[in-house]
Amino acid sequence: QVQLVESGGGLVQAGGSLTLSCGASESTFRIDSYGWYRRAPGKQRELVADISSSGFTNYADSVKDRFTISRDNLQNTMSLQMNSLKPEDTAVYYCNAKGWYRPAGYLEVWGQGSLVIVSS
């Protein structure tokens, strides 16, 4: 079974920065699109940012101009650079990827979740 492995979560002070990374455990999983989602305490899961195979990006209004999503197609990985972090950014962040995994076909895979805590 293909897995998405996340790294980079942790504790940071307000105004600081963190970078989350995500990559597939199997090189044969050819990722089409990536997305980052988060679930804050007491709130529903929301889309933070996504990026298409051609590099087009989309951001939630709450993170625009602060977060940057990028991908490395050679390494088959993606990152979320988070700057000017706020306490309300505290959440569990989940990597999501869609792509081709032969012979299974087109799959959607989720990462295990990375806890980001922004202290005031």
C-alpha atoms as a PDB file:
ATOM      1  CA  GLN A   1       0.000   0.000   0.000  1.00  0.00           C
ATOM      2  CA  VAL A   2       1.359   3.409  -0.937  1.00  0.00           C
ATOM      3  CA  GLN A   3       1.739   5.915   1.899  1.00  0.00           C
ATOM      4  CA  LEU A   4       2.309   9.639   2.181  1.00  0.00           C
ATOM      5  CA  VAL A   5       4.979  10.528   4.714  1.00  0.00           C
ATOM      6  CA  GLU A   6       4.834  13.965   6.312  1.00  0.00           C
ATOM      7  CA  SER A   7       7.490  15.850   8.228  1.00  0.00           C
ATOM      8  CA  GLY A   8       8.156  19.301   9.610  1.00  0.00           C
ATOM      9  CA  GLY A   9       5.456  19.809  12.205  1.00  0.00           C
ATOM     10  CA  GLY A  10       6.213  21.204  15.606  1.00  0.00           C
ATOM     11  CA  LEU A  11       5.947  24.123  17.976  1.00  0.00           C
ATOM     12  CA  VAL A  12       6.645  27.665  16.858  1.00  0.00           C
ATOM     13  CA  GLN A  13       6.052  31.125  18.277  1.00  0.00           C
ATOM     14  CA  ALA A  14       3.623  33.523  16.664  1.00  0.00           C
ATOM     15  CA  GLY A  15       5.253  35.318  13.765  1.00  0.00           C
ATOM     16  CA  GLY A  16       7.622  32.447  13.109  1.00  0.00           C
ATOM     17  CA  SER A  17       7.849  29.990  10.254  1.00  0.00           C
ATOM     18  CA  LEU A  18       7.602  26.273   9.629  1.00  0.00           C
ATOM     19  CA  THR A  19       7.862  24.122   6.538  1.00  0.00           C
ATOM     20  CA  LEU A  20       5.860  20.948   6.072  1.00  0.00           C
ATOM     21  CA  SER A  21       6.962  18.342   3.557  1.00  0.00           C
ATOM     22  CA  CYS A  22       5.200  15.372   2.063  1.00  0.00           C
ATOM     23  CA  GLY A  23       6.301  12.527  -0.167  1.00  0.00           C
ATOM     24  CA  ALA A  24       5.107   9.150  -1.357  1.00  0.00           C
ATOM     25  CA  SER A  25       6.628   6.001   0.061  1.00  0.00           C
ATOM     26  CA  GLU A  26       6.604   4.393  -3.379  1.00  0.00           C
ATOM     27  CA  SER A  27       8.306   5.955  -6.376  1.00  0.00           C
ATOM     28  CA  THR A  28       5.824   4.244  -8.668  1.00  0.00           C
ATOM     29  CA  PHE A  29       3.036   6.462  -7.312  1.00  0.00           C
ATOM     30  CA  ARG A  30       2.965   9.248  -9.899  1.00  0.00           C
ATOM     31  CA  ILE A  31       1.347  12.188  -8.177  1.00  0.00           C
ATOM     32  CA  ASP A  32      -0.950  14.407 -10.201  1.00  0.00           C
ATOM     33  CA  SER A  33      -2.169  16.952  -7.667  1.00  0.00           C
ATOM     34  CA  TYR A  34      -1.286  17.769  -4.059  1.00  0.00           C
ATOM     35  CA  GLY A  35      -3.263  19.429  -1.344  1.00  0.00           C
ATOM     36  CA  TRP A  36      -2.806  20.431   2.277  1.00  0.00           C
ATOM     37  CA  TYR A  37      -5.742  20.283   4.644  1.00  0.00           C
ATOM     38  CA  ARG A  38      -5.966  21.103   8.315  1.00  0.00           C
ATOM     39  CA  ARG A  39      -8.261  20.469  11.238  1.00  0.00           C
ATOM     40  CA  ALA A  40      -8.119  22.992  14.046  1.00  0.00           C
ATOM     41  CA  PRO A  41      -9.426  22.147  17.520  1.00  0.00           C
ATOM     42  CA  GLY A  42     -13.209  22.242  17.529  1.00  0.00           C
ATOM     43  CA  LYS A  43     -13.435  22.976  13.814  1.00  0.00           C
ATOM     44  CA  GLN A  44     -14.057  21.057  10.614  1.00  0.00           C
ATOM     45  CA  ARG A  45     -11.337  20.082   8.195  1.00  0.00           C
ATOM     46  CA  GLU A  46     -10.556  22.764   5.640  1.00  0.00           C
ATOM     47  CA  LEU A  47      -8.473  23.049   2.517  1.00  0.00           C
ATOM     48  CA  VAL A  48      -5.366  25.136   3.116  1.00  0.00           C
ATOM     49  CA  ALA A  49      -3.740  25.030  -0.311  1.00  0.00           C
ATOM     50  CA  ASP A  50      -3.421  22.842  -3.352  1.00  0.00           C
ATOM     51  CA  ILE A  51      -1.236  22.649  -6.422  1.00  0.00           C
ATOM     52  CA  SER A  52      -1.915  21.089  -9.788  1.00  0.00           C
ATOM     53  CA  SER A  53       0.403  19.029 -11.958  1.00  0.00           C
ATOM     54  CA  SER A  54       1.153  22.147 -14.003  1.00  0.00           C
ATOM     55  CA  GLY A  55       2.001  24.207 -10.926  1.00  0.00           C
ATOM     56  CA  PHE A  56      -1.156  26.272 -10.499  1.00  0.00           C
ATOM     57  CA  THR A  57      -1.844  27.036  -6.859  1.00  0.00           C
ATOM     58  CA  ASN A  58      -4.876  27.816  -4.758  1.00  0.00           C
ATOM     59  CA  TYR A  59      -5.024  29.104  -1.173  1.00  0.00           C
ATOM     60  CA  ALA A  60      -7.595  29.568   1.501  1.00  0.00           C
ATOM     61  CA  ASP A  61      -8.239  33.232   2.212  1.00  0.00           C
ATOM     62  CA  SER A  62      -6.973  32.802   5.758  1.00  0.00           C
ATOM     63  CA  VAL A  63      -3.462  31.847   4.593  1.00  0.00           C
ATOM     64  CA  LYS A  64      -3.033  33.875   1.413  1.00  0.00           C
ATOM     65  CA  ASP A  65       0.191  35.904   1.334  1.00  0.00           C
ATOM     66  CA  ARG A  66       1.544  33.917   4.282  1.00  0.00           C
ATOM     67  CA  PHE A  67       1.736  30.310   3.053  1.00  0.00           C
ATOM     68  CA  THR A  68       3.370  28.998  -0.110  1.00  0.00           C
ATOM     69  CA  ILE A  69       2.778  25.554  -1.586  1.00  0.00           C
ATOM     70  CA  SER A  70       5.327  24.089  -3.973  1.00  0.00           C
ATOM     71  CA  ARG A  71       6.250  20.774  -5.521  1.00  0.00           C
ATOM     72  CA  ASP A  72       9.354  18.994  -6.733  1.00  0.00           C
ATOM     73  CA  ASN A  73       8.284  16.744  -9.568  1.00  0.00           C
ATOM     74  CA  LEU A  74      11.661  15.037  -9.776  1.00  0.00           C
ATOM     75  CA  GLN A  75      11.543  14.001  -6.125  1.00  0.00           C
ATOM     76  CA  ASN A  76       7.779  13.497  -6.230  1.00  0.00           C
ATOM     77  CA  THR A  77       7.370  15.626  -3.121  1.00  0.00           C
ATOM     78  CA  MET A  78       5.705  18.849  -2.083  1.00  0.00           C
ATOM     79  CA  SER A  79       6.117  21.421   0.648  1.00  0.00           C
ATOM     80  CA  LEU A  80       4.089  24.018   2.481  1.00  0.00           C
ATOM     81  CA  GLN A  81       6.103  27.025   3.618  1.00  0.00           C
ATOM     82  CA  MET A  82       4.248  28.748   6.439  1.00  0.00           C
ATOM     83  CA  ASN A  83       5.308  32.261   7.385  1.00  0.00           C
ATOM     84  CA  SER A  84       3.941  34.818   9.831  1.00  0.00           C
ATOM     85  CA  LEU A  85       2.217  32.066  11.749  1.00  0.00           C
ATOM     86  CA  LYS A  86      -0.683  32.929  14.010  1.00  0.00           C
ATOM     87  CA  PRO A  87      -2.139  31.039  16.979  1.00  0.00           C
ATOM     88  CA  GLU A  88      -5.244  30.340  14.894  1.00  0.00           C
ATOM     89  CA  ASP A  89      -3.043  28.339  12.512  1.00  0.00           C
ATOM     90  CA  THR A  90      -2.704  25.714  15.235  1.00  0.00           C
ATOM     91  CA  ALA A  91      -4.051  22.491  13.759  1.00  0.00           C
ATOM     92  CA  VAL A  92      -3.257  19.036  12.513  1.00  0.00           C
ATOM     93  CA  TYR A  93      -2.156  19.358   8.903  1.00  0.00           C
ATOM     94  CA  TYR A  94      -2.781  16.563   6.415  1.00  0.00           C
ATOM     95  CA  CYS A  95      -1.094  15.991   3.097  1.00  0.00           C
ATOM     96  CA  ASN A  96      -3.324  14.762   0.289  1.00  0.00           C
ATOM     97  CA  ALA A  97      -2.238  13.438  -3.076  1.00  0.00           C
ATOM     98  CA  LYS A  98      -3.969  12.066  -6.126  1.00  0.00           C
ATOM     99  CA  GLY A  99      -2.134  10.121  -8.770  1.00  0.00           C
ATOM    100  CA  TRP A 100      -1.564   6.968 -10.728  1.00  0.00           C
ATOM    101  CA  TYR A 101      -0.385   3.797  -9.040  1.00  0.00           C
ATOM    102  CA  ARG A 102      -0.274   0.801 -11.348  1.00  0.00           C
ATOM    103  CA  PRO A 103      -2.006  -1.553 -11.468  1.00  0.00           C
ATOM    104  CA  ALA A 104      -4.389  -0.124  -8.871  1.00  0.00           C
ATOM    105  CA  GLY A 105      -5.224   2.918 -10.954  1.00  0.00           C
ATOM    106  CA  TYR A 106      -5.949   6.472  -9.880  1.00  0.00           C
ATOM    107  CA  LEU A 107      -5.718   6.813  -6.118  1.00  0.00           C
ATOM    108  CA  GLU A 108      -6.251   9.404  -3.423  1.00  0.00           C
ATOM    109  CA  VAL A 109      -3.890   9.047  -0.467  1.00  0.00           C
ATOM    110  CA  TRP A 110      -3.692  10.907   2.838  1.00  0.00           C
ATOM    111  CA  GLY A 111      -0.724  11.545   5.070  1.00  0.00           C
ATOM    112  CA  GLN A 112      -0.722  10.648   8.749  1.00  0.00           C
ATOM    113  CA  GLY A 113      -1.127  14.226   9.937  1.00  0.00           C
ATOM    114  CA  SER A 114       1.373  16.709  11.352  1.00  0.00           C
ATOM    115  CA  LEU A 115       0.651  18.736  14.465  1.00  0.00           C
ATOM    116  CA  VAL A 116       1.493  22.421  14.233  1.00  0.00           C
ATOM    117  CA  ILE A 117       1.211  24.475  17.418  1.00  0.00           C
ATOM    118  CA  VAL A 118       1.639  28.223  17.266  1.00  0.00           C
ATOM    119  CA  SER A 119       2.113  29.799  20.663  1.00  0.00           C
ATOM    120  CA  SER A 120       1.383  33.395  21.560  1.00  0.00           C
END
